[in-house]
C-alpha atoms as a PDB file:
ATOM      1  CA  MET A   1      63.213  67.032  83.905  1.00  0.00           C
ATOM      2  CA  GLU A   2      65.506  68.863  81.562  1.00  0.00           C
ATOM      3  CA  VAL A   3      68.623  67.918  83.699  1.00  0.00           C
ATOM      4  CA  PHE A   4      67.502  64.504  83.630  1.00  0.00           C
ATOM      5  CA  ASP A   5      67.022  64.302  79.909  1.00  0.00           C
ATOM      6  CA  ASP A   6      70.480  66.023  79.156  1.00  0.00           C
ATOM      7  CA  GLU A   7      71.977  63.664  81.610  1.00  0.00           C
ATOM      8  CA  PHE A   8      70.439  60.502  80.277  1.00  0.00           C
ATOM      9  CA  ASP A   9      70.134  61.274  76.622  1.00  0.00           C
ATOM     10  CA  TYR A  10      67.985  58.684  75.165  1.00  0.00           C
ATOM     11  CA  ARG A  11      70.078  58.618  72.007  1.00  0.00           C
ATOM     12  CA  GLU A  12      72.992  57.676  73.856  1.00  0.00           C
ATOM     13  CA  VAL A  13      71.831  55.719  76.970  1.00  0.00           C
ATOM     14  CA  ALA A  14      69.830  52.310  76.578  1.00  0.00           C
ATOM     15  CA  ASN A  15      68.410  52.454  80.070  1.00  0.00           C
ATOM     16  CA  HIS A  16      67.687  56.185  80.063  1.00  0.00           C
ATOM     17  CA  LYS A  17      64.197  55.561  81.621  1.00  0.00           C
ATOM     18  CA  ASP A  18      65.214  53.568  84.152  1.00  0.00           C
ATOM     19  CA  LEU A  19      67.741  56.038  85.336  1.00  0.00           C
ATOM     20  CA  THR A  20      65.361  59.005  84.764  1.00  0.00           C
ATOM     21  CA  ASP A  21      62.875  57.395  87.006  1.00  0.00           C
ATOM     22  CA  LEU A  22      65.306  56.461  89.650  1.00  0.00           C
ATOM     23  CA  ALA A  23      66.568  60.047  89.733  1.00  0.00           C
ATOM     24  CA  VAL A  24      63.173  61.678  89.898  1.00  0.00           C
ATOM     25  CA  ALA A  25      62.249  59.406  92.768  1.00  0.00           C
ATOM     26  CA  LEU A  26      65.378  60.597  94.823  1.00  0.00           C
ATOM     27  CA  PHE A  27      64.844  64.323  93.728  1.00  0.00           C
ATOM     28  CA  VAL A  28      61.243  64.327  94.827  1.00  0.00           C
ATOM     29  CA  GLY A  29      62.099  62.299  98.040  1.00  0.00           C
ATOM     30  CA  ILE A  30      60.306  59.052  97.185  1.00  0.00           C
ATOM     31  CA  MET A  31      63.187  57.098  98.063  1.00  0.00           C
ATOM     32  CA  SER A  32      66.029  57.556 100.280  1.00  0.00           C
ATOM     33  CA  ALA A  33      69.702  57.113  98.871  1.00  0.00           C
ATOM     34  CA  GLN A  34      70.924  55.478 102.128  1.00  0.00           C
ATOM     35  CA  ALA A  35      68.050  52.711 101.292  1.00  0.00           C
ATOM     36  CA  ALA A  36      70.154  50.697  99.235  1.00  0.00           C
ATOM     37  CA  PRO A  37      72.462  47.930 100.710  1.00  0.00           C
ATOM     38  CA  SER A  38      76.049  48.769 100.347  1.00  0.00           C
ATOM     39  CA  GLY A  39      79.045  46.411 100.365  1.00  0.00           C
ATOM     40  CA  GLY A  40      80.045  47.604 103.897  1.00  0.00           C
ATOM     41  CA  GLY A  41      81.521  50.703 105.063  1.00  0.00           C
ATOM     42  CA  GLY A  42      80.244  54.233 105.293  1.00  0.00           C
ATOM     43  CA  ASP A  43      78.568  56.621 102.779  1.00  0.00           C
ATOM     44  CA  SER A  44      81.533  58.148 100.651  1.00  0.00           C
ATOM     45  CA  ASN A  45      80.035  61.576 100.115  1.00  0.00           C
ATOM     46  CA  GLY A  46      78.202  61.836 103.137  1.00  0.00           C
ATOM     47  CA  LEU A  47      75.570  64.108 101.652  1.00  0.00           C
ATOM     48  CA  PRO A  48      72.069  64.003 102.917  1.00  0.00           C
ATOM     49  CA  TRP A  49      69.386  63.211 100.124  1.00  0.00           C
ATOM     50  CA  GLY A  50      66.922  66.133 101.159  1.00  0.00           C
ATOM     51  CA  ARG A  51      68.045  69.508  99.976  1.00  0.00           C
ATOM     52  CA  ASP A  52      70.918  71.296 101.331  1.00  0.00           C
ATOM     53  CA  LYS A  53      70.093  74.851 102.277  1.00  0.00           C
ATOM     54  CA  ASP A  54      72.918  76.261 100.170  1.00  0.00           C
ATOM     55  CA  GLU A  55      72.095  74.070  97.149  1.00  0.00           C
ATOM     56  CA  ASP A  56      69.797  75.285  94.391  1.00  0.00           C
ATOM     57  CA  GLU A  57      67.301  72.989  92.618  1.00  0.00           C
ATOM     58  CA  LEU A  58      69.540  72.228  89.368  1.00  0.00           C
ATOM     59  CA  GLU A  59      72.913  71.045  91.555  1.00  0.00           C
ATOM     60  CA  ARG A  60      70.489  68.926  93.630  1.00  0.00           C
ATOM     61  CA  ALA A  61      68.921  67.367  90.424  1.00  0.00           C
ATOM     62  CA  ARG A  62      72.161  66.659  88.945  1.00  0.00           C
ATOM     63  CA  ARG A  63      73.501  65.276  92.226  1.00  0.00           C
ATOM     64  CA  CYS A  64      70.330  62.806  92.094  1.00  0.00           C
ATOM     65  CA  ALA A  65      71.097  61.989  88.394  1.00  0.00           C
ATOM     66  CA  ARG A  66      74.530  61.039  89.818  1.00  0.00           C
ATOM     67  CA  GLU A  67      73.389  58.818  92.585  1.00  0.00           C
ATOM     68  CA  ALA A  68      71.164  57.077  89.854  1.00  0.00           C
ATOM     69  CA  ALA A  69      73.930  56.366  87.448  1.00  0.00           C
ATOM     70  CA  ARG A  70      76.264  55.185  90.348  1.00  0.00           C
ATOM     71  CA  ARG A  71      73.160  52.595  91.462  1.00  0.00           C
ATOM     72  CA  ILE A  72      72.025  51.364  88.269  1.00  0.00           C
ATOM     73  CA  GLY A  73      75.034  52.280  85.931  1.00  0.00           C
ATOM     74  CA  LYS A  74      74.753  53.808  82.073  1.00  0.00           C
ATOM     75  CA  LYS A  75      74.370  51.298  79.584  1.00  0.00           C
ATOM     76  CA  PRO A  76      75.372  52.795  76.178  1.00  0.00           C
ATOM     77  CA  ARG A  77      73.285  52.431  73.361  1.00  0.00           C
ATOM     78  CA  THR A  78      74.732  49.922  70.731  1.00  0.00           C
ATOM     79  CA  GLY A  79      73.903  49.452  67.088  1.00  0.00           C
ATOM     80  CA  ARG A  80      74.045  51.670  63.979  1.00  0.00           C
ATOM     81  CA  LYS A  81      73.730  55.339  64.021  1.00  0.00           C
ATOM     82  CA  ARG A  82      72.427  57.161  61.172  1.00  0.00           C
END
């Protein structure tokens, strides 16, 4: 969870909850990254969404966070900062 909290800082990202939820779902395998409809063509990165044999858990969490941000998009928090 620390990886996702760092990646989607609630003070900077307005939709941090949605991004974190999707990234966690990808990480634990509830969703398949290939399940999302695409605009055609193939997958650009070709990575499977299970754990790679050479990949540690932190790198896999970062990969899931990147995929969540790619799907939903980060929305910067607006307004006054103190």
